[in-house]
Amino acid sequence: MGIADSFKNFFESFDANNLEDTIVDYIVNQIDEGKVLSEIMDSPFVKNRLNDAQRDQILNNPEIAQATLDEVK
């Protein structure tokens, strides 16, 4: 499972399709540019779209963490 799929699975609980697509695209692009997930979660783009709890859930989700590691390998 790729990083985009992992994020899409995570966001299913929020029921926000447009927001989901926007955030997933942004995160995947940022990871492709070499940024780490914690740095991406602190960016204004993400902070303006997700609350603190949502960002913490992403950072602490093992499936997303593994997909992020797989993406940068």
N, C-alpha and C. Protein backbone atom coordinates (compact mmCIF):
# COMPACT_ATOMS: atom_id res chain seq x y z
N MET A 1 0.85 -1.18 0.00
CA MET A 1 0.00 0.00 0.00
C MET A 1 0.89 1.23 0.00
N GLY A 2 0.61 2.18 -0.86
CA GLY A 2 1.41 3.39 -0.96
C GLY A 2 0.99 4.45 0.04
N ILE A 3 1.77 5.51 0.08
CA ILE A 3 1.49 6.58 1.04
C ILE A 3 0.15 7.26 0.76
N ALA A 4 -0.17 7.47 -0.50
CA ALA A 4 -1.45 8.11 -0.82
C ALA A 4 -2.61 7.25 -0.35
N ASP A 5 -2.52 5.94 -0.53
CA ASP A 5 -3.58 5.04 -0.06
C ASP A 5 -3.68 5.07 1.46
N SER A 6 -2.55 5.13 2.14
CA SER A 6 -2.56 5.17 3.60
C SER A 6 -3.26 6.43 4.10
N PHE A 7 -2.96 7.56 3.47
CA PHE A 7 -3.62 8.79 3.87
C PHE A 7 -5.11 8.76 3.54
N LYS A 8 -5.46 8.22 2.40
CA LYS A 8 -6.88 8.14 2.03
C LYS A 8 -7.64 7.28 3.04
N ASN A 9 -7.06 6.17 3.46
CA ASN A 9 -7.70 5.33 4.48
C ASN A 9 -7.86 6.10 5.78
N PHE A 10 -6.84 6.85 6.15
CA PHE A 10 -6.90 7.64 7.38
C PHE A 10 -8.02 8.68 7.31
N PHE A 11 -8.12 9.38 6.19
CA PHE A 11 -9.09 10.46 6.07
C PHE A 11 -10.53 9.97 5.92
N GLU A 12 -10.74 8.71 5.66
CA GLU A 12 -12.12 8.20 5.55
C GLU A 12 -12.92 8.52 6.80
N SER A 13 -12.27 8.55 7.95
CA SER A 13 -12.97 8.84 9.19
C SER A 13 -13.42 10.29 9.29
N PHE A 14 -12.86 11.18 8.46
CA PHE A 14 -13.24 12.59 8.51
C PHE A 14 -14.32 12.95 7.50
N ASP A 15 -14.58 12.06 6.52
CA ASP A 15 -15.61 12.29 5.52
C ASP A 15 -15.48 13.66 4.85
N ALA A 16 -14.32 13.93 4.29
CA ALA A 16 -14.06 15.21 3.65
C ALA A 16 -13.27 14.98 2.37
N ASN A 17 -13.95 14.61 1.31
CA ASN A 17 -13.28 14.20 0.07
C ASN A 17 -12.39 15.27 -0.56
N ASN A 18 -12.89 16.47 -0.75
CA ASN A 18 -12.07 17.52 -1.37
C ASN A 18 -10.88 17.85 -0.49
N LEU A 19 -11.12 18.00 0.79
CA LEU A 19 -10.04 18.27 1.73
C LEU A 19 -9.04 17.13 1.71
N GLU A 20 -9.55 15.92 1.71
CA GLU A 20 -8.70 14.73 1.68
C GLU A 20 -7.78 14.75 0.48
N ASP A 21 -8.33 14.94 -0.70
CA ASP A 21 -7.52 14.95 -1.93
C ASP A 21 -6.46 16.04 -1.90
N THR A 22 -6.85 17.20 -1.43
CA THR A 22 -5.92 18.33 -1.37
C THR A 22 -4.77 18.04 -0.42
N ILE A 23 -5.08 17.55 0.76
CA ILE A 23 -4.05 17.26 1.77
C ILE A 23 -3.16 16.11 1.31
N VAL A 24 -3.76 15.05 0.80
CA VAL A 24 -2.97 13.89 0.35
C VAL A 24 -2.01 14.32 -0.75
N ASP A 25 -2.49 15.06 -1.73
CA ASP A 25 -1.63 15.51 -2.83
C ASP A 25 -0.48 16.36 -2.29
N TYR A 26 -0.81 17.27 -1.39
CA TYR A 26 0.22 18.14 -0.83
C TYR A 26 1.27 17.33 -0.07
N ILE A 27 0.83 16.43 0.81
CA ILE A 27 1.77 15.65 1.61
C ILE A 27 2.66 14.78 0.73
N VAL A 28 2.06 14.10 -0.22
CA VAL A 28 2.85 13.23 -1.11
C VAL A 28 3.87 14.06 -1.89
N ASN A 29 3.47 15.22 -2.40
CA ASN A 29 4.39 16.08 -3.14
C ASN A 29 5.54 16.56 -2.25
N GLN A 30 5.22 16.91 -1.02
CA GLN A 30 6.24 17.37 -0.10
C GLN A 30 7.23 16.25 0.26
N ILE A 31 6.72 15.05 0.45
CA ILE A 31 7.59 13.90 0.74
C ILE A 31 8.48 13.62 -0.47
N ASP A 32 7.91 13.71 -1.67
CA ASP A 32 8.70 13.52 -2.89
C ASP A 32 9.82 14.56 -3.00
N GLU A 33 9.61 15.74 -2.42
CA GLU A 33 10.63 16.78 -2.42
C GLU A 33 11.65 16.60 -1.30
N GLY A 34 11.47 15.56 -0.48
CA GLY A 34 12.45 15.25 0.55
C GLY A 34 12.13 15.76 1.94
N LYS A 35 10.96 16.32 2.14
CA LYS A 35 10.59 16.81 3.47
C LYS A 35 10.10 15.66 4.33
N VAL A 36 10.31 15.79 5.64
CA VAL A 36 9.85 14.77 6.58
C VAL A 36 8.43 15.09 7.02
N LEU A 37 7.71 14.06 7.42
CA LEU A 37 6.29 14.20 7.73
C LEU A 37 6.03 15.21 8.85
N SER A 38 6.86 15.21 9.89
CA SER A 38 6.64 16.16 10.99
C SER A 38 6.77 17.61 10.51
N GLU A 39 7.70 17.86 9.61
CA GLU A 39 7.87 19.20 9.03
C GLU A 39 6.65 19.58 8.19
N ILE A 40 6.14 18.62 7.44
CA ILE A 40 4.97 18.87 6.60
C ILE A 40 3.75 19.18 7.46
N MET A 41 3.57 18.45 8.56
CA MET A 41 2.42 18.67 9.44
C MET A 41 2.47 20.03 10.11
N ASP A 42 3.66 20.62 10.22
CA ASP A 42 3.81 21.95 10.82
C ASP A 42 3.70 23.09 9.81
N SER A 43 3.54 22.74 8.54
CA SER A 43 3.47 23.78 7.52
C SER A 43 2.14 24.54 7.62
N PRO A 44 2.15 25.81 7.27
CA PRO A 44 0.90 26.60 7.30
C PRO A 44 -0.21 25.98 6.44
N PHE A 45 0.16 25.39 5.31
CA PHE A 45 -0.84 24.78 4.43
C PHE A 45 -1.64 23.72 5.18
N VAL A 46 -0.95 22.85 5.91
CA VAL A 46 -1.61 21.77 6.64
C VAL A 46 -2.31 22.32 7.89
N LYS A 47 -1.64 23.21 8.61
CA LYS A 47 -2.23 23.77 9.83
C LYS A 47 -3.53 24.52 9.56
N ASN A 48 -3.65 25.10 8.37
CA ASN A 48 -4.88 25.82 8.03
C ASN A 48 -6.02 24.89 7.63
N ARG A 49 -5.71 23.61 7.42
CA ARG A 49 -6.73 22.67 6.94
C ARG A 49 -7.06 21.55 7.92
N LEU A 50 -6.14 21.27 8.83
CA LEU A 50 -6.35 20.22 9.83
C LEU A 50 -6.15 20.79 11.22
N ASN A 51 -6.93 20.30 12.17
CA ASN A 51 -6.73 20.75 13.54
C ASN A 51 -5.58 19.97 14.19
N ASP A 52 -5.20 20.38 15.39
CA ASP A 52 -4.07 19.76 16.08
C ASP A 52 -4.27 18.26 16.27
N ALA A 53 -5.47 17.86 16.64
CA ALA A 53 -5.75 16.43 16.88
C ALA A 53 -5.59 15.62 15.59
N GLN A 54 -6.07 16.15 14.49
CA GLN A 54 -5.94 15.45 13.21
C GLN A 54 -4.48 15.32 12.80
N ARG A 55 -3.71 16.38 12.98
CA ARG A 55 -2.29 16.31 12.64
C ARG A 55 -1.56 15.31 13.54
N ASP A 56 -1.89 15.31 14.83
CA ASP A 56 -1.28 14.35 15.76
C ASP A 56 -1.63 12.92 15.38
N GLN A 57 -2.87 12.69 14.97
CA GLN A 57 -3.28 11.35 14.56
C GLN A 57 -2.49 10.87 13.35
N ILE A 58 -2.23 11.76 12.42
CA ILE A 58 -1.44 11.40 11.25
C ILE A 58 -0.03 11.03 11.68
N LEU A 59 0.57 11.86 12.51
CA LEU A 59 1.94 11.62 12.94
C LEU A 59 2.09 10.34 13.76
N ASN A 60 1.03 9.93 14.44
CA ASN A 60 1.10 8.76 15.31
C ASN A 60 0.47 7.52 14.70
N ASN A 61 0.12 7.57 13.42
CA ASN A 61 -0.50 6.44 12.76
C ASN A 61 0.60 5.55 12.17
N PRO A 62 0.72 4.31 12.66
CA PRO A 62 1.81 3.44 12.18
C PRO A 62 1.72 3.10 10.70
N GLU A 63 0.53 2.99 10.16
CA GLU A 63 0.36 2.69 8.74
C GLU A 63 0.91 3.84 7.88
N ILE A 64 0.62 5.06 8.29
CA ILE A 64 1.13 6.21 7.56
C ILE A 64 2.64 6.32 7.72
N ALA A 65 3.12 6.07 8.91
CA ALA A 65 4.56 6.13 9.14
C ALA A 65 5.31 5.13 8.24
N GLN A 66 4.79 3.92 8.15
CA GLN A 66 5.43 2.90 7.32
C GLN A 66 5.35 3.29 5.85
N ALA A 67 4.21 3.78 5.41
CA ALA A 67 4.06 4.17 4.01
C ALA A 67 5.00 5.34 3.69
N THR A 68 5.19 6.24 4.63
CA THR A 68 6.12 7.36 4.42
C THR A 68 7.53 6.83 4.26
N LEU A 69 7.92 5.90 5.11
CA LEU A 69 9.26 5.31 5.01
C LEU A 69 9.44 4.58 3.68
N ASP A 70 8.42 3.85 3.28
CA ASP A 70 8.49 3.11 2.01
C ASP A 70 8.62 4.06 0.82
N GLU A 71 7.95 5.21 0.91
CA GLU A 71 7.96 6.19 -0.18
C GLU A 71 9.34 6.79 -0.39
N VAL A 72 10.07 7.03 0.69
CA VAL A 72 11.36 7.70 0.56
C VAL A 72 12.51 6.74 0.29
N LYS A 73 12.26 5.44 0.35
CA LYS A 73 13.31 4.44 0.07
C LYS A 73 13.60 4.35 -1.39
